[in-house]
Amino acid sequence: MSKAIDNLQAAQQRAMAGRPTAGGFPYLAETLRSAGVTRNVWSLPACQSLYLTADGPVLMQGTPLLTGMVDVPPFDEAALIRALRADQAGQSTFPAFLQACWQAGVVRYDVDFIGRSVSYYGCNGEVYVEDYPAVVIA
């Protein structure tokens, strides 16, 4: 394995070990940022995740949400916000969050760990941007 993969995996393990159930994303994000991760781009429904790190880019292929040919759901900002609030409250799993994002018409999201924001994109140029708070990792 490369230094970039080793560093990313170690940061993810640290983040998951200390992440609170509710409001856990800022904790995860800060742990990754402090490990040199600057950006994370998710492609839905493929569940492909590109991490840009100080040690080099790392691609992670998760289990796709679906296979075959499907219609892309229309972008629904209200449904996306409901999915975000449920996740922020600790009321959904990560796979359920990804599925809810897809059902809300999200085809990609981009996490900017330096600017502390996440941009969610539809296939026709729609975008919803949400900032997240800074946290201190003990």
C-alpha atoms as a PDB file:
ATOM      1  CA  MET A   1       0.000   0.000   0.000  1.00  0.00           C
ATOM      2  CA  SER A   2       1.009   3.590  -0.493  1.00  0.00           C
ATOM      3  CA  LYS A   3       1.635   6.195   2.185  1.00  0.00           C
ATOM      4  CA  ALA A   4      -1.518   8.011   1.003  1.00  0.00           C
ATOM      5  CA  ILE A   5      -3.708   4.918   1.511  1.00  0.00           C
ATOM      6  CA  ASP A   6      -2.121   4.060   4.869  1.00  0.00           C
ATOM      7  CA  ASN A   7      -2.599   7.620   6.128  1.00  0.00           C
ATOM      8  CA  LEU A   8      -6.200   7.819   4.879  1.00  0.00           C
ATOM      9  CA  GLN A   9      -7.163   4.464   6.402  1.00  0.00           C
ATOM     10  CA  ALA A  10      -5.599   5.398   9.746  1.00  0.00           C
ATOM     11  CA  ALA A  11      -7.449   8.742   9.775  1.00  0.00           C
ATOM     12  CA  GLN A  12     -10.756   7.048   8.913  1.00  0.00           C
ATOM     13  CA  GLN A  13     -10.258   4.540  11.739  1.00  0.00           C
ATOM     14  CA  ARG A  14      -9.483   7.337  14.229  1.00  0.00           C
ATOM     15  CA  ALA A  15     -12.519   9.284  13.084  1.00  0.00           C
ATOM     16  CA  MET A  16     -14.900   6.337  13.353  1.00  0.00           C
ATOM     17  CA  ALA A  17     -13.592   5.431  16.816  1.00  0.00           C
ATOM     18  CA  GLY A  18     -14.293   8.887  18.236  1.00  0.00           C
ATOM     19  CA  ARG A  19     -17.176  10.102  16.097  1.00  0.00           C
ATOM     20  CA  PRO A  20     -20.391  10.955  17.969  1.00  0.00           C
ATOM     21  CA  THR A  21     -23.640   9.459  16.643  1.00  0.00           C
ATOM     22  CA  ALA A  22     -25.359  12.817  16.187  1.00  0.00           C
ATOM     23  CA  GLY A  23     -23.392  15.572  14.491  1.00  0.00           C
ATOM     24  CA  GLY A  24     -20.589  13.178  13.626  1.00  0.00           C
ATOM     25  CA  PHE A  25     -19.711  14.478  10.167  1.00  0.00           C
ATOM     26  CA  PRO A  26     -17.792  17.587  11.341  1.00  0.00           C
ATOM     27  CA  TYR A  27     -15.714  15.310  13.612  1.00  0.00           C
ATOM     28  CA  LEU A  28     -14.970  12.944  10.729  1.00  0.00           C
ATOM     29  CA  ALA A  29     -14.185  15.870   8.430  1.00  0.00           C
ATOM     30  CA  GLU A  30     -11.804  17.510  10.909  1.00  0.00           C
ATOM     31  CA  THR A  31      -9.998  14.217  11.520  1.00  0.00           C
ATOM     32  CA  LEU A  32      -9.480  13.771   7.780  1.00  0.00           C
ATOM     33  CA  ARG A  33      -8.477  17.435   7.317  1.00  0.00           C
ATOM     34  CA  SER A  34      -5.876  17.170  10.090  1.00  0.00           C
ATOM     35  CA  ALA A  35      -4.466  14.080   8.326  1.00  0.00           C
ATOM     36  CA  GLY A  36      -3.896  16.085   5.132  1.00  0.00           C
ATOM     37  CA  VAL A  37      -7.095  15.308   3.227  1.00  0.00           C
ATOM     38  CA  THR A  38      -8.205  18.440   1.380  1.00  0.00           C
ATOM     39  CA  ARG A  39     -11.143  17.206  -0.680  1.00  0.00           C
ATOM     40  CA  ASN A  40     -13.460  14.232  -1.159  1.00  0.00           C
ATOM     41  CA  VAL A  41     -15.582  13.798  -4.282  1.00  0.00           C
ATOM     42  CA  TRP A  42     -18.357  11.177  -4.201  1.00  0.00           C
ATOM     43  CA  SER A  43     -20.002   9.911  -7.378  1.00  0.00           C
ATOM     44  CA  LEU A  44     -23.510   8.535  -6.947  1.00  0.00           C
ATOM     45  CA  PRO A  45     -24.952   5.998  -7.473  1.00  0.00           C
ATOM     46  CA  ALA A  46     -21.569   4.337  -8.170  1.00  0.00           C
ATOM     47  CA  CYS A  47     -20.377   5.061  -4.606  1.00  0.00           C
ATOM     48  CA  GLN A  48     -16.954   5.925  -5.944  1.00  0.00           C
ATOM     49  CA  SER A  49     -15.015   8.261  -3.693  1.00  0.00           C
ATOM     50  CA  LEU A  50     -11.930  10.262  -4.667  1.00  0.00           C
ATOM     51  CA  TYR A  51      -9.841  11.616  -1.789  1.00  0.00           C
ATOM     52  CA  LEU A  52      -7.292  14.334  -2.507  1.00  0.00           C
ATOM     53  CA  THR A  53      -4.584  14.171   0.144  1.00  0.00           C
ATOM     54  CA  ALA A  54      -1.195  15.697   0.869  1.00  0.00           C
ATOM     55  CA  ASP A  55       0.311  12.269   0.124  1.00  0.00           C
ATOM     56  CA  GLY A  56      -1.483  11.863  -3.215  1.00  0.00           C
ATOM     57  CA  PRO A  57      -4.955  11.037  -4.544  1.00  0.00           C
ATOM     58  CA  VAL A  58      -6.737   7.871  -3.421  1.00  0.00           C
ATOM     59  CA  LEU A  59      -9.754   6.310  -5.121  1.00  0.00           C
ATOM     60  CA  MET A  60     -12.125   4.130  -3.118  1.00  0.00           C
ATOM     61  CA  GLN A  61     -14.778   2.060  -4.876  1.00  0.00           C
ATOM     62  CA  GLY A  62     -17.716   1.238  -2.621  1.00  0.00           C
ATOM     63  CA  THR A  63     -20.689  -0.975  -3.357  1.00  0.00           C
ATOM     64  CA  PRO A  64     -22.847   0.739  -5.998  1.00  0.00           C
ATOM     65  CA  LEU A  65     -26.384   1.681  -5.008  1.00  0.00           C
ATOM     66  CA  LEU A  66     -27.743   0.056  -8.176  1.00  0.00           C
ATOM     67  CA  THR A  67     -26.761  -1.646 -11.388  1.00  0.00           C
ATOM     68  CA  GLY A  68     -28.027  -1.465 -14.925  1.00  0.00           C
ATOM     69  CA  MET A  69     -29.728   1.423 -16.660  1.00  0.00           C
ATOM     70  CA  VAL A  70     -32.046   3.679 -14.633  1.00  0.00           C
ATOM     71  CA  ASP A  71     -33.633   7.085 -14.868  1.00  0.00           C
ATOM     72  CA  VAL A  72     -31.952   9.736 -12.738  1.00  0.00           C
ATOM     73  CA  PRO A  73     -34.327  11.157 -10.135  1.00  0.00           C
ATOM     74  CA  PRO A  74     -35.028  14.893 -10.449  1.00  0.00           C
ATOM     75  CA  PHE A  75     -33.052  17.155  -8.126  1.00  0.00           C
ATOM     76  CA  ASP A  76     -35.160  17.777  -5.005  1.00  0.00           C
ATOM     77  CA  GLU A  77     -33.465  20.220  -2.630  1.00  0.00           C
ATOM     78  CA  ALA A  78     -36.095  19.758   0.093  1.00  0.00           C
ATOM     79  CA  ALA A  79     -35.623  15.956   0.056  1.00  0.00           C
ATOM     80  CA  LEU A  80     -31.853  16.425   0.167  1.00  0.00           C
ATOM     81  CA  ILE A  81     -32.128  18.727   3.178  1.00  0.00           C
ATOM     82  CA  ARG A  82     -34.352  16.153   4.949  1.00  0.00           C
ATOM     83  CA  ALA A  83     -31.702  13.481   4.281  1.00  0.00           C
ATOM     84  CA  LEU A  84     -28.977  15.780   5.615  1.00  0.00           C
ATOM     85  CA  ARG A  85     -30.908  16.635   8.789  1.00  0.00           C
ATOM     86  CA  ALA A  86     -31.693  12.957   9.478  1.00  0.00           C
ATOM     87  CA  ASP A  87     -28.012  12.081   9.062  1.00  0.00           C
ATOM     88  CA  GLN A  88     -26.904  15.014  11.223  1.00  0.00           C
ATOM     89  CA  ALA A  89     -29.281  13.871  13.961  1.00  0.00           C
ATOM     90  CA  GLY A  90     -27.819  10.352  13.860  1.00  0.00           C
ATOM     91  CA  GLN A  91     -31.075   8.911  12.503  1.00  0.00           C
ATOM     92  CA  SER A  92     -29.655   7.167   9.427  1.00  0.00           C
ATOM     93  CA  THR A  93     -26.790   4.940   8.408  1.00  0.00           C
ATOM     94  CA  PHE A  94     -24.266   6.107   5.832  1.00  0.00           C
ATOM     95  CA  PRO A  95     -25.644   3.726   3.166  1.00  0.00           C
ATOM     96  CA  ALA A  96     -29.171   5.037   3.884  1.00  0.00           C
ATOM     97  CA  PHE A  97     -27.874   8.610   3.600  1.00  0.00           C
ATOM     98  CA  LEU A  98     -26.294   7.865   0.207  1.00  0.00           C
ATOM     99  CA  GLN A  99     -29.531   6.248  -0.998  1.00  0.00           C
ATOM    100  CA  ALA A 100     -31.562   9.255   0.169  1.00  0.00           C
ATOM    101  CA  CYS A 101     -29.158  11.615  -1.634  1.00  0.00           C
ATOM    102  CA  TRP A 102     -29.546   9.601  -4.838  1.00  0.00           C
ATOM    103  CA  GLN A 103     -33.353   9.623  -4.486  1.00  0.00           C
ATOM    104  CA  ALA A 104     -33.104  13.424  -4.100  1.00  0.00           C
ATOM    105  CA  GLY A 105     -31.375  13.608  -7.490  1.00  0.00           C
ATOM    106  CA  VAL A 106     -27.794  14.003  -6.265  1.00  0.00           C
ATOM    107  CA  VAL A 107     -25.292  12.538  -8.730  1.00  0.00           C
ATOM    108  CA  ARG A 108     -22.159  13.880  -7.035  1.00  0.00           C
ATOM    109  CA  TYR A 109     -21.094  15.656  -3.911  1.00  0.00           C
ATOM    110  CA  ASP A 110     -17.862  17.422  -3.152  1.00  0.00           C
ATOM    111  CA  VAL A 111     -16.486  17.943   0.354  1.00  0.00           C
ATOM    112  CA  ASP A 112     -14.047  20.840   0.764  1.00  0.00           C
ATOM    113  CA  PHE A 113     -12.248  20.092   4.043  1.00  0.00           C
ATOM    114  CA  ILE A 114     -10.329  23.378   3.970  1.00  0.00           C
ATOM    115  CA  GLY A 115     -13.397  25.573   3.346  1.00  0.00           C
ATOM    116  CA  ARG A 116     -15.619  23.312   5.515  1.00  0.00           C
ATOM    117  CA  SER A 117     -18.410  22.970   2.980  1.00  0.00           C
ATOM    118  CA  VAL A 118     -20.181  20.268   1.020  1.00  0.00           C
ATOM    119  CA  SER A 119     -21.651  20.889  -2.444  1.00  0.00           C
ATOM    120  CA  TYR A 120     -24.345  18.497  -3.726  1.00  0.00           C
ATOM    121  CA  TYR A 121     -24.916  18.388  -7.502  1.00  0.00           C
ATOM    122  CA  GLY A 122     -27.769  17.290  -9.742  1.00  0.00           C
ATOM    123  CA  CYS A 123     -27.204  16.202 -13.338  1.00  0.00           C
ATOM    124  CA  ASN A 124     -28.584  19.440 -14.826  1.00  0.00           C
ATOM    125  CA  GLY A 125     -26.268  21.826 -12.996  1.00  0.00           C
ATOM    126  CA  GLU A 126     -28.325  22.113  -9.815  1.00  0.00           C
ATOM    127  CA  VAL A 127     -26.285  22.640  -6.672  1.00  0.00           C
ATOM    128  CA  TYR A 128     -26.949  22.885  -2.958  1.00  0.00           C
ATOM    129  CA  VAL A 129     -24.063  24.010  -0.723  1.00  0.00           C
ATOM    130  CA  GLU A 130     -23.975  23.554   3.019  1.00  0.00           C
ATOM    131  CA  ASP A 131     -21.237  24.689   5.390  1.00  0.00           C
ATOM    132  CA  TYR A 132     -20.404  22.606   8.435  1.00  0.00           C
ATOM    133  CA  PRO A 133     -18.947  23.814  11.734  1.00  0.00           C
ATOM    134  CA  ALA A 134     -15.328  23.567  12.812  1.00  0.00           C
ATOM    135  CA  VAL A 135     -14.737  21.166  15.700  1.00  0.00           C
ATOM    136  CA  VAL A 136     -11.778  20.564  17.981  1.00  0.00           C
ATOM    137  CA  ILE A 137     -10.472  17.019  18.122  1.00  0.00           C
ATOM    138  CA  ALA A 138      -9.277  16.169  21.639  1.00  0.00           C
END
